[in-house]
Amino acid sequence: MAPVKIGIIGGSGLSNPQLFEMTSESSEDTPFGSPSDMLREGFIEGVPCILLARHGRRHSIMPTNVNYRANLWALKARGCTHVLVSTACGSLREHIHPGDFVIVDQFIDRTTKRAQTFHDGEEGHPKGILHLPMDTPFCPDTRAVLKKCCEELDYPFHSTGTVITVEGPRFSSKAESHMFRLWGADVINMTTVPEVVLARELGLCYAAIAMATDYDCWKEGHEAVTVEAVMATFRSNAEKAINILKMAVTKIAAEDWSERLAARQSEVTSNTMLPA
C-alpha cells in the first residue's frame, strides 16, 4: 500500500492546535517562486500532513496574487499525494444556507490574470504542452471521503455543487450575481481556479470543503456580502471544518491509493505533447 501524505490549504482555523501536531516549519524554493507561507509539517492522528496558508498566515495576499503554482509545487515536492482545501463561498442558491458545507464537483472560471499551467515553455519549467482533460476537476474518491465525514458528523452539507471563481478582490455586482445563477453556479469564491487545475497537473488528489458564508448579493431581503459577515460565519464554523479535516485525513490514510495515484500520473504523461 503506497504511503499517503496530505497537504491542507486554507486559512482561518488551521493554526488551531486541536488540528495539528507540528514537528517542523520551513520554506520551499520552487521553479515558480516562493509559496504563500512557510510549510508547517507534522501529523494529524499519526498521518503526515503539511499545512499551508493560502493567503499567508496574516491574510496579506489577495486572491489574484496568490502564487498558486508555487503552493502546489511545494506540496508535491514535499511528497504530498492529496490536497484538501477549505474555502469560504457565497451561496447562489436558496437551499444552500450560510453555514452549510458544499463538496463541490465542478467549476466555472471567471478569472483573467492567473497562470493555469506549469507547462508554459519557460526555462526550468516542465517541458511540453499539457492538454489536460478537466471534465472531472475534483478527485471523486477524495470527495467521497469528505461526504462520508459530513454524514458521520451530521453536519449540513451538499454532496455536489458548481463553484464559480471570480478574479476579485471585489465582490459581485447584483447583475453579475444573478447572471452566475443563470449559468448554473451554486456557490462563488475567488480561489478554486487555478488551484484545482494545477493540482490535477501534478497528479494530486484534490478536493475542497466549501463553506457558504453569505448569499452574495442576489437574494432580496438579505444584506449584500461583507468581509465582516463572511468572517463571522467562517469563525463560527471553523471547529466543524477542523473536525471534517481530521476525520478525512484518517479515512484517506486507511485506503490503498496506489492504483489511483498511478492513474492520475499516467493521465498527465499521456496528455503532455513534448517538442519534436
C-alpha atoms as a PDB file:
ATOM      1  CA  MET A   1       0.000   0.000   0.000  1.00  0.00           C
ATOM      2  CA  ALA A   2       1.528   3.312  -1.085  1.00  0.00           C
ATOM      3  CA  PRO A   3       2.008   5.791   1.773  1.00  0.00           C
ATOM      4  CA  VAL A   4      -0.045   8.980   1.683  1.00  0.00           C
ATOM      5  CA  LYS A   5       0.839  12.486   2.754  1.00  0.00           C
ATOM      6  CA  ILE A   6      -1.807  15.158   2.817  1.00  0.00           C
ATOM      7  CA  GLY A   7      -1.421  18.836   2.063  1.00  0.00           C
ATOM      8  CA  ILE A   8      -4.024  21.120   3.610  1.00  0.00           C
ATOM      9  CA  ILE A   9      -4.528  24.594   2.163  1.00  0.00           C
ATOM     10  CA  GLY A  10      -6.757  27.129   3.854  1.00  0.00           C
ATOM     11  CA  GLY A  11      -6.902  29.992   6.274  1.00  0.00           C
ATOM     12  CA  SER A  12      -8.850  30.592   9.451  1.00  0.00           C
ATOM     13  CA  GLY A  13      -8.684  27.777  11.982  1.00  0.00           C
ATOM     14  CA  LEU A  14      -5.762  25.865  10.501  1.00  0.00           C
ATOM     15  CA  SER A  15      -3.383  27.008  13.236  1.00  0.00           C
ATOM     16  CA  ASN A  16      -5.692  25.517  15.851  1.00  0.00           C
ATOM     17  CA  PRO A  17      -3.634  23.090  17.967  1.00  0.00           C
ATOM     18  CA  GLN A  18      -6.602  20.681  18.006  1.00  0.00           C
ATOM     19  CA  LEU A  19      -5.985  20.062  14.294  1.00  0.00           C
ATOM     20  CA  PHE A  20      -2.276  19.559  14.010  1.00  0.00           C
ATOM     21  CA  GLU A  21       0.787  18.229  15.819  1.00  0.00           C
ATOM     22  CA  MET A  22       3.530  20.326  14.214  1.00  0.00           C
ATOM     23  CA  THR A  23       7.077  18.954  14.012  1.00  0.00           C
ATOM     24  CA  SER A  24       8.790  21.477  11.718  1.00  0.00           C
ATOM     25  CA  GLU A  25       8.341  24.688   9.773  1.00  0.00           C
ATOM     26  CA  SER A  26      10.408  25.580   6.725  1.00  0.00           C
ATOM     27  CA  SER A  27      10.390  27.328   3.362  1.00  0.00           C
ATOM     28  CA  GLU A  28      10.495  25.643  -0.043  1.00  0.00           C
ATOM     29  CA  ASP A  29      12.110  27.071  -3.158  1.00  0.00           C
ATOM     30  CA  THR A  30      10.292  26.196  -6.387  1.00  0.00           C
ATOM     31  CA  PRO A  31      10.837  26.997 -10.080  1.00  0.00           C
ATOM     32  CA  PHE A  32       7.819  29.287  -9.727  1.00  0.00           C
ATOM     33  CA  GLY A  33       8.989  31.305  -6.733  1.00  0.00           C
ATOM     34  CA  SER A  34       8.048  31.064  -3.082  1.00  0.00           C
ATOM     35  CA  PRO A  35       4.803  29.664  -1.634  1.00  0.00           C
ATOM     36  CA  SER A  36       2.395  31.903   0.222  1.00  0.00           C
ATOM     37  CA  ASP A  37       3.881  30.985   3.599  1.00  0.00           C
ATOM     38  CA  MET A  38       6.148  28.567   5.424  1.00  0.00           C
ATOM     39  CA  LEU A  39       5.241  24.899   5.163  1.00  0.00           C
ATOM     40  CA  ARG A  40       4.224  23.515   8.522  1.00  0.00           C
ATOM     41  CA  GLU A  41       4.822  19.763   8.662  1.00  0.00           C
ATOM     42  CA  GLY A  42       3.510  17.369  11.237  1.00  0.00           C
ATOM     43  CA  PHE A  43       0.816  14.807  11.919  1.00  0.00           C
ATOM     44  CA  ILE A  44      -2.927  14.525  12.256  1.00  0.00           C
ATOM     45  CA  GLU A  45      -3.820  11.320  14.096  1.00  0.00           C
ATOM     46  CA  GLY A  46      -0.421   9.936  13.096  1.00  0.00           C
ATOM     47  CA  VAL A  47      -0.832  10.738   9.383  1.00  0.00           C
ATOM     48  CA  PRO A  48       1.872  13.003   7.856  1.00  0.00           C
ATOM     49  CA  CYS A  49       0.443  16.323   6.713  1.00  0.00           C
ATOM     50  CA  ILE A  50       1.548  19.786   5.605  1.00  0.00           C
ATOM     51  CA  LEU A  51      -0.390  22.956   6.372  1.00  0.00           C
ATOM     52  CA  LEU A  52      -0.128  25.968   4.066  1.00  0.00           C
ATOM     53  CA  ALA A  53      -1.926  29.285   4.491  1.00  0.00           C
ATOM     54  CA  ARG A  54      -3.205  30.193   1.015  1.00  0.00           C
ATOM     55  CA  HIS A  55      -3.182  33.960   1.639  1.00  0.00           C
ATOM     56  CA  GLY A  56      -0.304  33.912   4.127  1.00  0.00           C
ATOM     57  CA  ARG A  57      -0.976  33.430   7.822  1.00  0.00           C
ATOM     58  CA  ARG A  58      -1.727  37.159   8.183  1.00  0.00           C
ATOM     59  CA  HIS A  59      -4.077  37.016   5.195  1.00  0.00           C
ATOM     60  CA  SER A  60      -1.953  39.587   3.390  1.00  0.00           C
ATOM     61  CA  ILE A  61      -2.051  38.162  -0.171  1.00  0.00           C
ATOM     62  CA  MET A  62      -5.085  38.985  -2.299  1.00  0.00           C
ATOM     63  CA  PRO A  63      -6.591  36.191  -4.426  1.00  0.00           C
ATOM     64  CA  THR A  64      -5.038  37.311  -7.731  1.00  0.00           C
ATOM     65  CA  ASN A  65      -1.557  37.488  -6.203  1.00  0.00           C
ATOM     66  CA  VAL A  66      -1.545  34.085  -4.521  1.00  0.00           C
ATOM     67  CA  ASN A  67       1.318  32.081  -6.026  1.00  0.00           C
ATOM     68  CA  TYR A  68      -0.822  29.043  -6.759  1.00  0.00           C
ATOM     69  CA  ARG A  69       1.878  27.324  -8.810  1.00  0.00           C
ATOM     70  CA  ALA A  70       4.488  27.623  -6.056  1.00  0.00           C
ATOM     71  CA  ASN A  71       1.990  26.442  -3.429  1.00  0.00           C
ATOM     72  CA  LEU A  72       1.053  23.248  -5.259  1.00  0.00           C
ATOM     73  CA  TRP A  73       4.588  22.559  -6.496  1.00  0.00           C
ATOM     74  CA  ALA A  74       5.946  22.853  -2.952  1.00  0.00           C
ATOM     75  CA  LEU A  75       3.397  20.382  -1.594  1.00  0.00           C
ATOM     76  CA  LYS A  76       4.190  17.899  -4.360  1.00  0.00           C
ATOM     77  CA  ALA A  77       7.937  18.349  -3.802  1.00  0.00           C
ATOM     78  CA  ARG A  78       7.470  17.512  -0.121  1.00  0.00           C
ATOM     79  CA  GLY A  79       5.765  14.246  -1.018  1.00  0.00           C
ATOM     80  CA  CYS A  80       2.082  15.088  -0.783  1.00  0.00           C
ATOM     81  CA  THR A  81      -0.282  12.715  -2.562  1.00  0.00           C
ATOM     82  CA  HIS A  82      -3.519  14.501  -1.639  1.00  0.00           C
ATOM     83  CA  VAL A  83      -4.597  18.092  -1.147  1.00  0.00           C
ATOM     84  CA  LEU A  84      -7.588  19.056   0.985  1.00  0.00           C
ATOM     85  CA  VAL A  85      -8.622  22.699   0.950  1.00  0.00           C
ATOM     86  CA  SER A  86     -11.099  24.895   2.740  1.00  0.00           C
ATOM     87  CA  THR A  87     -12.693  27.864   1.024  1.00  0.00           C
ATOM     88  CA  ALA A  88     -15.277  30.446   2.031  1.00  0.00           C
ATOM     89  CA  CYS A  89     -18.002  30.846  -0.595  1.00  0.00           C
ATOM     90  CA  GLY A  90     -21.075  32.895  -1.247  1.00  0.00           C
ATOM     91  CA  SER A  91     -24.259  30.901  -1.811  1.00  0.00           C
ATOM     92  CA  LEU A  92     -26.096  31.401  -5.090  1.00  0.00           C
ATOM     93  CA  ARG A  93     -28.929  29.042  -4.162  1.00  0.00           C
ATOM     94  CA  GLU A  94     -31.813  29.357  -1.710  1.00  0.00           C
ATOM     95  CA  HIS A  95     -31.263  25.840  -0.347  1.00  0.00           C
ATOM     96  CA  ILE A  96     -27.563  26.389   0.395  1.00  0.00           C
ATOM     97  CA  HIS A  97     -27.724  28.262   3.667  1.00  0.00           C
ATOM     98  CA  PRO A  98     -24.899  30.211   5.324  1.00  0.00           C
ATOM     99  CA  GLY A  99     -23.033  27.694   7.456  1.00  0.00           C
ATOM    100  CA  ASP A 100     -23.670  24.775   5.082  1.00  0.00           C
ATOM    101  CA  PHE A 101     -20.775  22.840   3.564  1.00  0.00           C
ATOM    102  CA  VAL A 102     -20.638  22.062  -0.159  1.00  0.00           C
ATOM    103  CA  ILE A 103     -18.409  19.312  -1.567  1.00  0.00           C
ATOM    104  CA  VAL A 104     -18.007  20.971  -4.961  1.00  0.00           C
ATOM    105  CA  ASP A 105     -17.547  18.821  -8.059  1.00  0.00           C
ATOM    106  CA  GLN A 106     -17.436  21.346 -10.934  1.00  0.00           C
ATOM    107  CA  PHE A 107     -16.154  24.864 -11.550  1.00  0.00           C
ATOM    108  CA  ILE A 108     -16.741  27.826 -13.862  1.00  0.00           C
ATOM    109  CA  ASP A 109     -13.693  30.009 -14.401  1.00  0.00           C
ATOM    110  CA  ARG A 110     -14.145  33.777 -14.455  1.00  0.00           C
ATOM    111  CA  THR A 111     -10.539  34.656 -13.619  1.00  0.00           C
ATOM    112  CA  THR A 112      -8.418  36.583 -16.115  1.00  0.00           C
ATOM    113  CA  LYS A 113      -4.944  37.155 -14.666  1.00  0.00           C
ATOM    114  CA  ARG A 114      -3.690  33.804 -13.351  1.00  0.00           C
ATOM    115  CA  ALA A 115      -1.228  31.252 -14.693  1.00  0.00           C
ATOM    116  CA  GLN A 116      -3.106  27.963 -15.041  1.00  0.00           C
ATOM    117  CA  THR A 117      -0.345  25.577 -16.090  1.00  0.00           C
ATOM    118  CA  PHE A 118       3.170  24.583 -15.095  1.00  0.00           C
ATOM    119  CA  HIS A 119       3.915  23.798 -18.756  1.00  0.00           C
ATOM    120  CA  ASP A 120       4.379  27.365 -20.003  1.00  0.00           C
ATOM    121  CA  GLY A 121       7.554  26.915 -22.057  1.00  0.00           C
ATOM    122  CA  GLU A 122       9.709  28.903 -19.656  1.00  0.00           C
ATOM    123  CA  GLU A 123      13.266  27.815 -18.863  1.00  0.00           C
ATOM    124  CA  GLY A 124      13.404  25.410 -15.921  1.00  0.00           C
ATOM    125  CA  HIS A 125       9.685  24.620 -16.057  1.00  0.00           C
ATOM    126  CA  PRO A 126       8.192  21.260 -17.125  1.00  0.00           C
ATOM    127  CA  LYS A 127       8.669  20.604 -20.819  1.00  0.00           C
ATOM    128  CA  GLY A 128       5.923  20.263 -23.396  1.00  0.00           C
ATOM    129  CA  ILE A 129       2.336  21.447 -23.539  1.00  0.00           C
ATOM    130  CA  LEU A 130      -0.157  19.727 -21.266  1.00  0.00           C
ATOM    131  CA  HIS A 131      -3.711  19.495 -22.640  1.00  0.00           C
ATOM    132  CA  LEU A 132      -5.222  18.001 -19.501  1.00  0.00           C
ATOM    133  CA  PRO A 133      -8.880  16.858 -19.533  1.00  0.00           C
ATOM    134  CA  MET A 134     -10.919  18.776 -16.962  1.00  0.00           C
ATOM    135  CA  ASP A 135     -14.301  17.040 -17.187  1.00  0.00           C
ATOM    136  CA  THR A 136     -13.895  15.823 -13.595  1.00  0.00           C
ATOM    137  CA  PRO A 137     -11.801  18.534 -11.912  1.00  0.00           C
ATOM    138  CA  PHE A 138     -12.001  17.284  -8.323  1.00  0.00           C
ATOM    139  CA  CYS A 139     -10.921  13.807  -7.218  1.00  0.00           C
ATOM    140  CA  PRO A 140     -14.162  11.783  -6.891  1.00  0.00           C
ATOM    141  CA  ASP A 141     -12.694   9.380  -4.340  1.00  0.00           C
ATOM    142  CA  THR A 142     -11.378  12.148  -2.096  1.00  0.00           C
ATOM    143  CA  ARG A 143     -14.708  13.958  -2.401  1.00  0.00           C
ATOM    144  CA  ALA A 144     -16.439  10.751  -1.318  1.00  0.00           C
ATOM    145  CA  VAL A 145     -14.337  10.740   1.848  1.00  0.00           C
ATOM    146  CA  LEU A 146     -15.349  14.332   2.640  1.00  0.00           C
ATOM    147  CA  LYS A 147     -19.018  13.483   2.085  1.00  0.00           C
ATOM    148  CA  LYS A 148     -18.735  10.473   4.393  1.00  0.00           C
ATOM    149  CA  CYS A 149     -17.203  12.666   7.089  1.00  0.00           C
ATOM    150  CA  CYS A 150     -20.025  15.216   6.866  1.00  0.00           C
ATOM    151  CA  GLU A 151     -22.577  12.401   7.089  1.00  0.00           C
ATOM    152  CA  GLU A 152     -20.957  10.808  10.138  1.00  0.00           C
ATOM    153  CA  LEU A 153     -20.557  14.157  11.873  1.00  0.00           C
ATOM    154  CA  ASP A 154     -24.157  15.078  10.977  1.00  0.00           C
ATOM    155  CA  TYR A 155     -23.206  18.464   9.550  1.00  0.00           C
ATOM    156  CA  PRO A 156     -25.433  20.238   6.999  1.00  0.00           C
ATOM    157  CA  PHE A 157     -23.840  19.679   3.604  1.00  0.00           C
ATOM    158  CA  HIS A 158     -24.500  19.349  -0.117  1.00  0.00           C
ATOM    159  CA  SER A 159     -22.847  16.448  -1.909  1.00  0.00           C
ATOM    160  CA  THR A 160     -22.372  18.277  -5.219  1.00  0.00           C
ATOM    161  CA  GLY A 161     -22.119  21.847  -6.423  1.00  0.00           C
ATOM    162  CA  THR A 162     -20.636  24.080  -9.074  1.00  0.00           C
ATOM    163  CA  VAL A 163     -18.328  26.830  -7.859  1.00  0.00           C
ATOM    164  CA  ILE A 164     -17.703  29.908  -9.970  1.00  0.00           C
ATOM    165  CA  THR A 165     -14.329  31.511  -9.285  1.00  0.00           C
ATOM    166  CA  VAL A 166     -14.067  35.253  -9.928  1.00  0.00           C
ATOM    167  CA  GLU A 167     -10.920  37.358 -10.033  1.00  0.00           C
ATOM    168  CA  GLY A 168     -11.718  39.522  -7.026  1.00  0.00           C
ATOM    169  CA  PRO A 169     -10.857  41.039  -4.703  1.00  0.00           C
ATOM    170  CA  ARG A 170     -14.161  42.870  -5.068  1.00  0.00           C
ATOM    171  CA  PHE A 171     -17.471  41.089  -4.556  1.00  0.00           C
ATOM    172  CA  SER A 172     -20.088  40.709  -7.305  1.00  0.00           C
ATOM    173  CA  SER A 173     -22.445  43.332  -8.601  1.00  0.00           C
ATOM    174  CA  LYS A 174     -26.104  42.330  -8.277  1.00  0.00           C
ATOM    175  CA  ALA A 175     -26.315  41.864 -12.066  1.00  0.00           C
ATOM    176  CA  GLU A 176     -23.309  39.530 -12.009  1.00  0.00           C
ATOM    177  CA  SER A 177     -24.745  37.559  -9.097  1.00  0.00           C
ATOM    178  CA  HIS A 178     -27.991  36.960 -10.999  1.00  0.00           C
ATOM    179  CA  MET A 179     -26.040  36.054 -14.155  1.00  0.00           C
ATOM    180  CA  PHE A 180     -23.960  33.455 -12.290  1.00  0.00           C
ATOM    181  CA  ARG A 181     -27.172  31.872 -11.017  1.00  0.00           C
ATOM    182  CA  LEU A 182     -28.493  31.650 -14.578  1.00  0.00           C
ATOM    183  CA  TRP A 183     -25.244  29.949 -15.607  1.00  0.00           C
ATOM    184  CA  GLY A 184     -25.868  27.182 -13.104  1.00  0.00           C
ATOM    185  CA  ALA A 185     -23.328  28.104 -10.432  1.00  0.00           C
ATOM    186  CA  ASP A 186     -24.211  27.138  -6.863  1.00  0.00           C
ATOM    187  CA  VAL A 187     -21.505  28.962  -4.907  1.00  0.00           C
ATOM    188  CA  ILE A 188     -18.967  31.689  -5.664  1.00  0.00           C
ATOM    189  CA  ASN A 189     -15.394  32.232  -4.480  1.00  0.00           C
ATOM    190  CA  MET A 190     -12.043  33.696  -5.555  1.00  0.00           C
ATOM    191  CA  THR A 191      -9.510  30.862  -5.188  1.00  0.00           C
ATOM    192  CA  THR A 192     -10.570  27.459  -6.560  1.00  0.00           C
ATOM    193  CA  VAL A 193      -9.215  28.264 -10.025  1.00  0.00           C
ATOM    194  CA  PRO A 194      -6.387  27.729 -10.824  1.00  0.00           C
ATOM    195  CA  GLU A 195      -5.674  25.747  -7.636  1.00  0.00           C
ATOM    196  CA  VAL A 196      -7.682  22.680  -8.662  1.00  0.00           C
ATOM    197  CA  VAL A 197      -6.269  22.757 -12.213  1.00  0.00           C
ATOM    198  CA  LEU A 198      -2.673  22.881 -11.018  1.00  0.00           C
ATOM    199  CA  ALA A 199      -3.261  20.055  -8.556  1.00  0.00           C
ATOM    200  CA  ARG A 200      -4.503  17.904 -11.448  1.00  0.00           C
ATOM    201  CA  GLU A 201      -1.388  18.759 -13.472  1.00  0.00           C
ATOM    202  CA  LEU A 202       0.733  17.350 -10.652  1.00  0.00           C
ATOM    203  CA  GLY A 203      -1.330  14.166 -10.323  1.00  0.00           C
ATOM    204  CA  LEU A 204      -2.572  15.133  -6.854  1.00  0.00           C
ATOM    205  CA  CYS A 205      -5.907  14.012  -5.430  1.00  0.00           C
ATOM    206  CA  TYR A 206      -7.581  17.360  -4.723  1.00  0.00           C
ATOM    207  CA  ALA A 207     -10.915  18.050  -3.012  1.00  0.00           C
ATOM    208  CA  ALA A 208     -12.467  21.127  -1.448  1.00  0.00           C
ATOM    209  CA  ILE A 209     -14.662  21.817   1.558  1.00  0.00           C
ATOM    210  CA  ALA A 210     -16.600  24.932   0.564  1.00  0.00           C
ATOM    211  CA  MET A 211     -18.369  26.729   3.383  1.00  0.00           C
ATOM    212  CA  ALA A 212     -21.253  29.015   2.461  1.00  0.00           C
ATOM    213  CA  THR A 213     -20.884  32.230   4.442  1.00  0.00           C
ATOM    214  CA  ASP A 214     -23.483  34.519   2.819  1.00  0.00           C
ATOM    215  CA  TYR A 215     -25.911  34.884  -0.094  1.00  0.00           C
ATOM    216  CA  ASP A 216     -23.602  37.039  -2.239  1.00  0.00           C
ATOM    217  CA  CYS A 217     -25.938  39.920  -3.227  1.00  0.00           C
ATOM    218  CA  TRP A 218     -28.685  38.272  -5.302  1.00  0.00           C
ATOM    219  CA  LYS A 219     -31.140  37.426  -2.520  1.00  0.00           C
ATOM    220  CA  GLU A 220     -33.732  40.083  -1.762  1.00  0.00           C
ATOM    221  CA  GLY A 221     -34.222  40.782   1.920  1.00  0.00           C
ATOM    222  CA  HIS A 222     -30.630  39.897   2.811  1.00  0.00           C
ATOM    223  CA  GLU A 223     -27.778  42.342   3.155  1.00  0.00           C
ATOM    224  CA  ALA A 224     -25.091  42.188   0.487  1.00  0.00           C
ATOM    225  CA  VAL A 225     -21.950  40.256   1.378  1.00  0.00           C
ATOM    226  CA  THR A 226     -19.324  41.970   3.548  1.00  0.00           C
ATOM    227  CA  VAL A 227     -15.987  40.823   4.929  1.00  0.00           C
ATOM    228  CA  GLU A 228     -17.393  41.116   8.443  1.00  0.00           C
ATOM    229  CA  ALA A 229     -20.299  38.781   7.635  1.00  0.00           C
ATOM    230  CA  VAL A 230     -18.051  36.273   5.857  1.00  0.00           C
ATOM    231  CA  MET A 231     -15.582  36.057   8.717  1.00  0.00           C
ATOM    232  CA  ALA A 232     -18.269  35.842  11.380  1.00  0.00           C
ATOM    233  CA  THR A 233     -19.813  32.779   9.720  1.00  0.00           C
ATOM    234  CA  PHE A 234     -16.429  31.242   8.975  1.00  0.00           C
ATOM    235  CA  ARG A 235     -15.235  31.613  12.564  1.00  0.00           C
ATOM    236  CA  SER A 236     -18.445  30.135  13.937  1.00  0.00           C
ATOM    237  CA  ASN A 237     -17.946  27.028  11.772  1.00  0.00           C
ATOM    238  CA  ALA A 238     -14.162  26.725  11.986  1.00  0.00           C
ATOM    239  CA  GLU A 239     -14.361  23.909  14.527  1.00  0.00           C
ATOM    240  CA  LYS A 240     -16.653  21.929  12.220  1.00  0.00           C
ATOM    241  CA  ALA A 241     -14.227  22.364   9.333  1.00  0.00           C
ATOM    242  CA  ILE A 242     -11.400  21.133  11.568  1.00  0.00           C
ATOM    243  CA  ASN A 243     -13.418  18.079  12.570  1.00  0.00           C
ATOM    244  CA  ILE A 244     -14.081  17.233   8.902  1.00  0.00           C
ATOM    245  CA  LEU A 245     -10.406  17.580   8.024  1.00  0.00           C
ATOM    246  CA  LYS A 246      -9.225  15.433  10.929  1.00  0.00           C
ATOM    247  CA  MET A 247     -11.642  12.660  10.107  1.00  0.00           C
ATOM    248  CA  ALA A 248     -10.915  12.875   6.366  1.00  0.00           C
ATOM    249  CA  VAL A 249      -7.175  12.536   6.912  1.00  0.00           C
ATOM    250  CA  THR A 250      -7.569   9.311   8.861  1.00  0.00           C
ATOM    251  CA  LYS A 251     -10.039   7.860   6.346  1.00  0.00           C
ATOM    252  CA  ILE A 252      -7.767   8.691   3.401  1.00  0.00           C
ATOM    253  CA  ALA A 253      -4.783   7.090   5.128  1.00  0.00           C
ATOM    254  CA  ALA A 254      -6.774   3.890   5.719  1.00  0.00           C
ATOM    255  CA  GLU A 255      -7.254   3.292   1.971  1.00  0.00           C
ATOM    256  CA  ASP A 256      -4.855   1.998  -0.670  1.00  0.00           C
ATOM    257  CA  TRP A 257      -4.399   4.765  -3.253  1.00  0.00           C
ATOM    258  CA  SER A 258      -1.594   3.130  -5.248  1.00  0.00           C
ATOM    259  CA  GLU A 259      -3.550   2.452  -8.441  1.00  0.00           C
ATOM    260  CA  ARG A 260      -5.457   5.726  -8.339  1.00  0.00           C
ATOM    261  CA  LEU A 261      -2.313   7.815  -7.896  1.00  0.00           C
ATOM    262  CA  ALA A 262      -0.585   5.928 -10.706  1.00  0.00           C
ATOM    263  CA  ALA A 263      -3.592   6.532 -12.973  1.00  0.00           C
ATOM    264  CA  ARG A 264      -3.518  10.265 -12.276  1.00  0.00           C
ATOM    265  CA  GLN A 265       0.166  10.476 -13.079  1.00  0.00           C
ATOM    266  CA  SER A 266      -0.352   8.446 -16.250  1.00  0.00           C
ATOM    267  CA  GLU A 267      -3.080  10.862 -17.342  1.00  0.00           C
ATOM    268  CA  VAL A 268      -0.651  13.762 -17.061  1.00  0.00           C
ATOM    269  CA  THR A 269       2.060  11.957 -19.005  1.00  0.00           C
ATOM    270  CA  SER A 270      -0.241  10.765 -21.801  1.00  0.00           C
ATOM    271  CA  ASN A 271      -1.663  14.263 -22.363  1.00  0.00           C
ATOM    272  CA  THR A 272       1.679  16.072 -22.498  1.00  0.00           C
ATOM    273  CA  MET A 273       2.842  16.977 -26.009  1.00  0.00           C
ATOM    274  CA  LEU A 274       6.642  17.157 -25.991  1.00  0.00           C
ATOM    275  CA  PRO A 275       8.623  19.227 -28.509  1.00  0.00           C
ATOM    276  CA  ALA A 276       9.535  17.342 -31.695  1.00  0.00           C
END
